[in-house]
């Protein structure tokens, strides 16, 4: 039985699509999307950290 590979993160997907882009404009589109995902994930982590602090006794 083959080992399952973990699912690709949105950032990994964007990077792969950027690497396989047909031209610079397409690569830049995926780069911009990746940067937005980085920001979204950073914001989610920050909010999650605040929730954990608020739940601590």
PDB file of N, CA and C in Angstrom:
ATOM      1  N   UNK A   1       0.846  -1.178   0.000  1.00  0.00           N
ATOM      2  CA  UNK A   1       0.000   0.000   0.000  1.00  0.00           C
ATOM      3  C   UNK A   1       0.892   1.241   0.000  1.00  0.00           C
ATOM      4  N   UNK A   2       0.610   2.167  -0.876  1.00  0.00           N
ATOM      5  CA  UNK A   2       1.429   3.376  -0.996  1.00  0.00           C
ATOM      6  C   UNK A   2       1.132   4.336   0.154  1.00  0.00           C
ATOM      7  N   UNK A   3       2.180   5.014   0.593  1.00  0.00           N
ATOM      8  CA  UNK A   3       2.013   5.992   1.659  1.00  0.00           C
ATOM      9  C   UNK A   3       1.276   7.210   1.111  1.00  0.00           C
ATOM     10  N   UNK A   4       0.369   7.734   1.918  1.00  0.00           N
ATOM     11  CA  UNK A   4      -0.365   8.931   1.508  1.00  0.00           C
ATOM     12  C   UNK A   4       0.499  10.151   1.722  1.00  0.00           C
ATOM     13  N   UNK A   5       0.466  11.028   0.752  1.00  0.00           N
ATOM     14  CA  UNK A   5       1.173  12.291   0.921  1.00  0.00           C
ATOM     15  C   UNK A   5       0.199  13.298   1.518  1.00  0.00           C
ATOM     16  N   UNK A   6       0.694  14.150   2.396  1.00  0.00           N
ATOM     17  CA  UNK A   6      -0.213  15.136   2.998  1.00  0.00           C
ATOM     18  C   UNK A   6      -0.722  16.107   1.930  1.00  0.00           C
ATOM     19  N   UNK A   7      -1.897  16.666   2.161  1.00  0.00           N
ATOM     20  CA  UNK A   7      -2.419  17.604   1.165  1.00  0.00           C
ATOM     21  C   UNK A   7      -1.528  18.841   1.048  1.00  0.00           C
ATOM     22  N   UNK A   8      -1.546  19.412  -0.115  1.00  0.00           N
ATOM     23  CA  UNK A   8      -0.752  20.601  -0.402  1.00  0.00           C
ATOM     24  C   UNK A   8      -1.411  21.823   0.265  1.00  0.00           C
ATOM     25  N   UNK A   9      -0.614  22.659   0.892  1.00  0.00           N
ATOM     26  CA  UNK A   9      -1.160  23.884   1.472  1.00  0.00           C
ATOM     27  C   UNK A   9      -1.444  24.881   0.349  1.00  0.00           C
ATOM     28  N   UNK A  10      -2.279  25.877   0.612  1.00  0.00           N
ATOM     29  CA  UNK A  10      -2.531  26.888  -0.421  1.00  0.00           C
ATOM     30  C   UNK A  10      -1.246  27.585  -0.885  1.00  0.00           C
ATOM     31  N   UNK A  11      -0.338  27.820   0.036  1.00  0.00           N
ATOM     32  CA  UNK A  11       0.922  28.485  -0.311  1.00  0.00           C
ATOM     33  C   UNK A  11       1.774  27.579  -1.195  1.00  0.00           C
ATOM     34  N   UNK A  12       1.821  26.292  -0.874  1.00  0.00           N
ATOM     35  CA  UNK A  12       2.584  25.349  -1.705  1.00  0.00           C
ATOM     36  C   UNK A  12       1.980  25.251  -3.109  1.00  0.00           C
ATOM     37  N   UNK A  13       0.642  25.242  -3.170  1.00  0.00           N
ATOM     38  CA  UNK A  13      -0.032  25.180  -4.467  1.00  0.00           C
ATOM     39  C   UNK A  13       0.304  26.410  -5.300  1.00  0.00           C
ATOM     40  N   UNK A  14       0.226  27.587  -4.683  1.00  0.00           N
ATOM     41  CA  UNK A  14       0.545  28.823  -5.405  1.00  0.00           C
ATOM     42  C   UNK A  14       1.990  28.802  -5.897  1.00  0.00           C
ATOM     43  N   UNK A  15       2.903  28.319  -5.057  1.00  0.00           N
ATOM     44  CA  UNK A  15       4.308  28.262  -5.451  1.00  0.00           C
ATOM     45  C   UNK A  15       4.493  27.324  -6.637  1.00  0.00           C
ATOM     46  N   UNK A  16       3.824  26.166  -6.600  1.00  0.00           N
ATOM     47  CA  UNK A  16       3.933  25.207  -7.708  1.00  0.00           C
ATOM     48  C   UNK A  16       3.365  25.800  -8.992  1.00  0.00           C
ATOM     49  N   UNK A  17       2.217  26.469  -8.872  1.00  0.00           N
ATOM     50  CA  UNK A  17       1.615  27.090 -10.054  1.00  0.00           C
ATOM     51  C   UNK A  17       2.503  28.214 -10.580  1.00  0.00           C
ATOM     52  N   UNK A  18       3.118  28.970  -9.687  1.00  0.00           N
ATOM     53  CA  UNK A  18       4.040  30.040 -10.096  1.00  0.00           C
ATOM     54  C   UNK A  18       5.236  29.456 -10.829  1.00  0.00           C
ATOM     55  N   UNK A  19       5.777  28.365 -10.305  1.00  0.00           N
ATOM     56  CA  UNK A  19       6.928  27.720 -10.944  1.00  0.00           C
ATOM     57  C   UNK A  19       6.586  27.180 -12.335  1.00  0.00           C
ATOM     58  N   UNK A  20       5.328  26.772 -12.537  1.00  0.00           N
ATOM     59  CA  UNK A  20       4.901  26.194 -13.810  1.00  0.00           C
ATOM     60  C   UNK A  20       4.197  27.196 -14.720  1.00  0.00           C
ATOM     61  N   UNK A  21       4.251  28.463 -14.369  1.00  0.00           N
ATOM     62  CA  UNK A  21       3.556  29.492 -15.150  1.00  0.00           C
ATOM     63  C   UNK A  21       4.111  29.573 -16.568  1.00  0.00           C
ATOM     64  N   UNK A  22       3.233  29.921 -17.493  1.00  0.00           N
ATOM     65  CA  UNK A  22       3.618  30.022 -18.900  1.00  0.00           C
ATOM     66  C   UNK A  22       4.354  31.317 -19.216  1.00  0.00           C
ATOM     67  N   UNK A  23       4.085  32.367 -18.415  1.00  0.00           N
ATOM     68  CA  UNK A  23       4.742  33.652 -18.663  1.00  0.00           C
ATOM     69  C   UNK A  23       4.850  34.444 -17.357  1.00  0.00           C
ATOM     70  N   UNK A  24       5.482  35.598 -17.450  1.00  0.00           N
ATOM     71  CA  UNK A  24       5.711  36.412 -16.268  1.00  0.00           C
ATOM     72  C   UNK A  24       4.436  36.937 -15.633  1.00  0.00           C
ATOM     73  N   UNK A  25       3.456  37.269 -16.456  1.00  0.00           N
ATOM     74  CA  UNK A  25       2.194  37.783 -15.916  1.00  0.00           C
ATOM     75  C   UNK A  25       1.474  36.712 -15.096  1.00  0.00           C
ATOM     76  N   UNK A  26       1.466  35.495 -15.602  1.00  0.00           N
ATOM     77  CA  UNK A  26       0.826  34.401 -14.864  1.00  0.00           C
ATOM     78  C   UNK A  26       1.596  34.116 -13.575  1.00  0.00           C
ATOM     79  N   UNK A  27       2.913  34.114 -13.656  1.00  0.00           N
ATOM     80  CA  UNK A  27       3.734  33.886 -12.463  1.00  0.00           C
ATOM     81  C   UNK A  27       3.459  34.963 -11.421  1.00  0.00           C
ATOM     82  N   UNK A  28       3.339  36.208 -11.853  1.00  0.00           N
ATOM     83  CA  UNK A  28       3.082  37.297 -10.923  1.00  0.00           C
ATOM     84  C   UNK A  28       1.710  37.170 -10.273  1.00  0.00           C
ATOM     85  N   UNK A  29       0.740  36.674 -11.019  1.00  0.00           N
ATOM     86  CA  UNK A  29      -0.598  36.453 -10.457  1.00  0.00           C
ATOM     87  C   UNK A  29      -0.542  35.447  -9.315  1.00  0.00           C
ATOM     88  N   UNK A  30       0.158  34.336  -9.525  1.00  0.00           N
ATOM     89  CA  UNK A  30       0.279  33.332  -8.467  1.00  0.00           C
ATOM     90  C   UNK A  30       1.135  33.837  -7.310  1.00  0.00           C
ATOM     91  N   UNK A  31       2.147  34.636  -7.595  1.00  0.00           N
ATOM     92  CA  UNK A  31       2.957  35.235  -6.532  1.00  0.00           C
ATOM     93  C   UNK A  31       2.086  36.136  -5.659  1.00  0.00           C
ATOM     94  N   UNK A  32       1.251  36.965  -6.286  1.00  0.00           N
ATOM     95  CA  UNK A  32       0.363  37.863  -5.539  1.00  0.00           C
ATOM     96  C   UNK A  32      -0.634  37.070  -4.697  1.00  0.00           C
ATOM     97  N   UNK A  33      -1.179  36.010  -5.286  1.00  0.00           N
ATOM     98  CA  UNK A  33      -2.112  35.165  -4.542  1.00  0.00           C
ATOM     99  C   UNK A  33      -1.415  34.513  -3.352  1.00  0.00           C
ATOM    100  N   UNK A  34      -0.193  34.046  -3.563  1.00  0.00           N
ATOM    101  CA  UNK A  34       0.569  33.437  -2.465  1.00  0.00           C
ATOM    102  C   UNK A  34       0.798  34.442  -1.341  1.00  0.00           C
ATOM    103  N   UNK A  35       1.134  35.677  -1.695  1.00  0.00           N
ATOM    104  CA  UNK A  35       1.356  36.708  -0.687  1.00  0.00           C
ATOM    105  C   UNK A  35       0.081  36.993   0.104  1.00  0.00           C
ATOM    106  N   UNK A  36      -1.059  36.963  -0.566  1.00  0.00           N
ATOM    107  CA  UNK A  36      -2.326  37.156   0.153  1.00  0.00           C
ATOM    108  C   UNK A  36      -2.579  36.008   1.120  1.00  0.00           C
ATOM    109  N   UNK A  37      -2.288  34.772   0.684  1.00  0.00           N
ATOM    110  CA  UNK A  37      -2.447  33.621   1.577  1.00  0.00           C
ATOM    111  C   UNK A  37      -1.530  33.743   2.787  1.00  0.00           C
ATOM    112  N   UNK A  38      -0.304  34.199   2.570  1.00  0.00           N
ATOM    113  CA  UNK A  38       0.632  34.386   3.692  1.00  0.00           C
ATOM    114  C   UNK A  38       0.020  35.350   4.702  1.00  0.00           C
ATOM    115  N   UNK A  39      -0.558  36.447   4.225  1.00  0.00           N
ATOM    116  CA  UNK A  39      -1.186  37.417   5.111  1.00  0.00           C
ATOM    117  C   UNK A  39      -2.394  36.861   5.838  1.00  0.00           C
ATOM    118  N   UNK A  40      -3.223  36.107   5.122  1.00  0.00           N
ATOM    119  CA  UNK A  40      -4.411  35.510   5.728  1.00  0.00           C
ATOM    120  C   UNK A  40      -4.017  34.524   6.822  1.00  0.00           C
ATOM    121  N   UNK A  41      -3.031  33.698   6.546  1.00  0.00           N
ATOM    122  CA  UNK A  41      -2.593  32.707   7.525  1.00  0.00           C
ATOM    123  C   UNK A  41      -1.962  33.384   8.736  1.00  0.00           C
ATOM    124  N   UNK A  42      -1.166  34.430   8.509  1.00  0.00           N
ATOM    125  CA  UNK A  42      -0.551  35.168   9.618  1.00  0.00           C
ATOM    126  C   UNK A  42      -1.635  35.788  10.502  1.00  0.00           C
ATOM    127  N   UNK A  43      -2.650  36.380   9.878  1.00  0.00           N
ATOM    128  CA  UNK A  43      -3.747  36.990  10.644  1.00  0.00           C
ATOM    129  C   UNK A  43      -4.516  35.936  11.432  1.00  0.00           C
ATOM    130  N   UNK A  44      -4.778  34.793  10.823  1.00  0.00           N
ATOM    131  CA  UNK A  44      -5.481  33.709  11.514  1.00  0.00           C
ATOM    132  C   UNK A  44      -4.675  33.203  12.701  1.00  0.00           C
ATOM    133  N   UNK A  45      -3.373  33.070  12.529  1.00  0.00           N
ATOM    134  CA  UNK A  45      -2.521  32.624  13.634  1.00  0.00           C
ATOM    135  C   UNK A  45      -2.515  33.634  14.768  1.00  0.00           C
ATOM    136  N   UNK A  46      -2.506  34.927  14.421  1.00  0.00           N
ATOM    137  CA  UNK A  46      -2.518  35.967  15.438  1.00  0.00           C
ATOM    138  C   UNK A  46      -3.835  35.925  16.230  1.00  0.00           C
ATOM    139  N   UNK A  47      -4.955  35.780  15.524  1.00  0.00           N
ATOM    140  CA  UNK A  47      -6.251  35.696  16.190  1.00  0.00           C
ATOM    141  C   UNK A  47      -6.348  34.448  17.053  1.00  0.00           C
ATOM    142  N   UNK A  48      -5.826  33.338  16.542  1.00  0.00           N
ATOM    143  CA  UNK A  48      -5.836  32.093  17.315  1.00  0.00           C
ATOM    144  C   UNK A  48      -5.011  32.239  18.587  1.00  0.00           C
ATOM    145  N   UNK A  49      -3.888  32.926  18.482  1.00  0.00           N
ATOM    146  CA  UNK A  49      -3.034  33.151  19.644  1.00  0.00           C
ATOM    147  C   UNK A  49      -3.763  33.984  20.702  1.00  0.00           C
ATOM    148  N   UNK A  50      -4.507  34.998  20.266  1.00  0.00           N
ATOM    149  CA  UNK A  50      -5.279  35.828  21.204  1.00  0.00           C
ATOM    150  C   UNK A  50      -6.354  34.980  21.891  1.00  0.00           C
ATOM    151  N   UNK A  51      -7.009  34.079  21.148  1.00  0.00           N
ATOM    152  CA  UNK A  51      -8.053  33.238  21.733  1.00  0.00           C
ATOM    153  C   UNK A  51      -7.469  32.332  22.793  1.00  0.00           C
ATOM    154  N   UNK A  52      -6.303  31.766  22.529  1.00  0.00           N
ATOM    155  CA  UNK A  52      -5.665  30.868  23.495  1.00  0.00           C
ATOM    156  C   UNK A  52      -5.314  31.641  24.764  1.00  0.00           C
ATOM    157  N   UNK A  53      -4.788  32.856  24.611  1.00  0.00           N
ATOM    158  CA  UNK A  53      -4.441  33.678  25.769  1.00  0.00           C
ATOM    159  C   UNK A  53      -5.675  34.024  26.585  1.00  0.00           C
ATOM    160  N   UNK A  54      -6.788  34.303  25.905  1.00  0.00           N
ATOM    161  CA  UNK A  54      -8.029  34.651  26.613  1.00  0.00           C
ATOM    162  C   UNK A  54      -8.638  33.455  27.325  1.00  0.00           C
ATOM    163  N   UNK A  55      -8.359  32.244  26.867  1.00  0.00           N
ATOM    164  CA  UNK A  55      -8.915  31.045  27.481  1.00  0.00           C
ATOM    165  C   UNK A  55      -8.043  30.535  28.622  1.00  0.00           C
ATOM    166  N   UNK A  56      -6.819  31.024  28.741  1.00  0.00           N
ATOM    167  CA  UNK A  56      -5.921  30.576  29.811  1.00  0.00           C
ATOM    168  C   UNK A  56      -6.410  31.116  31.141  1.00  0.00           C
ATOM    169  N   UNK A  57      -6.319  30.301  32.214  1.00  0.00           N
ATOM    170  CA  UNK A  57      -6.771  30.766  33.543  1.00  0.00           C
ATOM    171  C   UNK A  57      -5.868  31.832  34.105  1.00  0.00           C
TER     172      UNK A  57
END
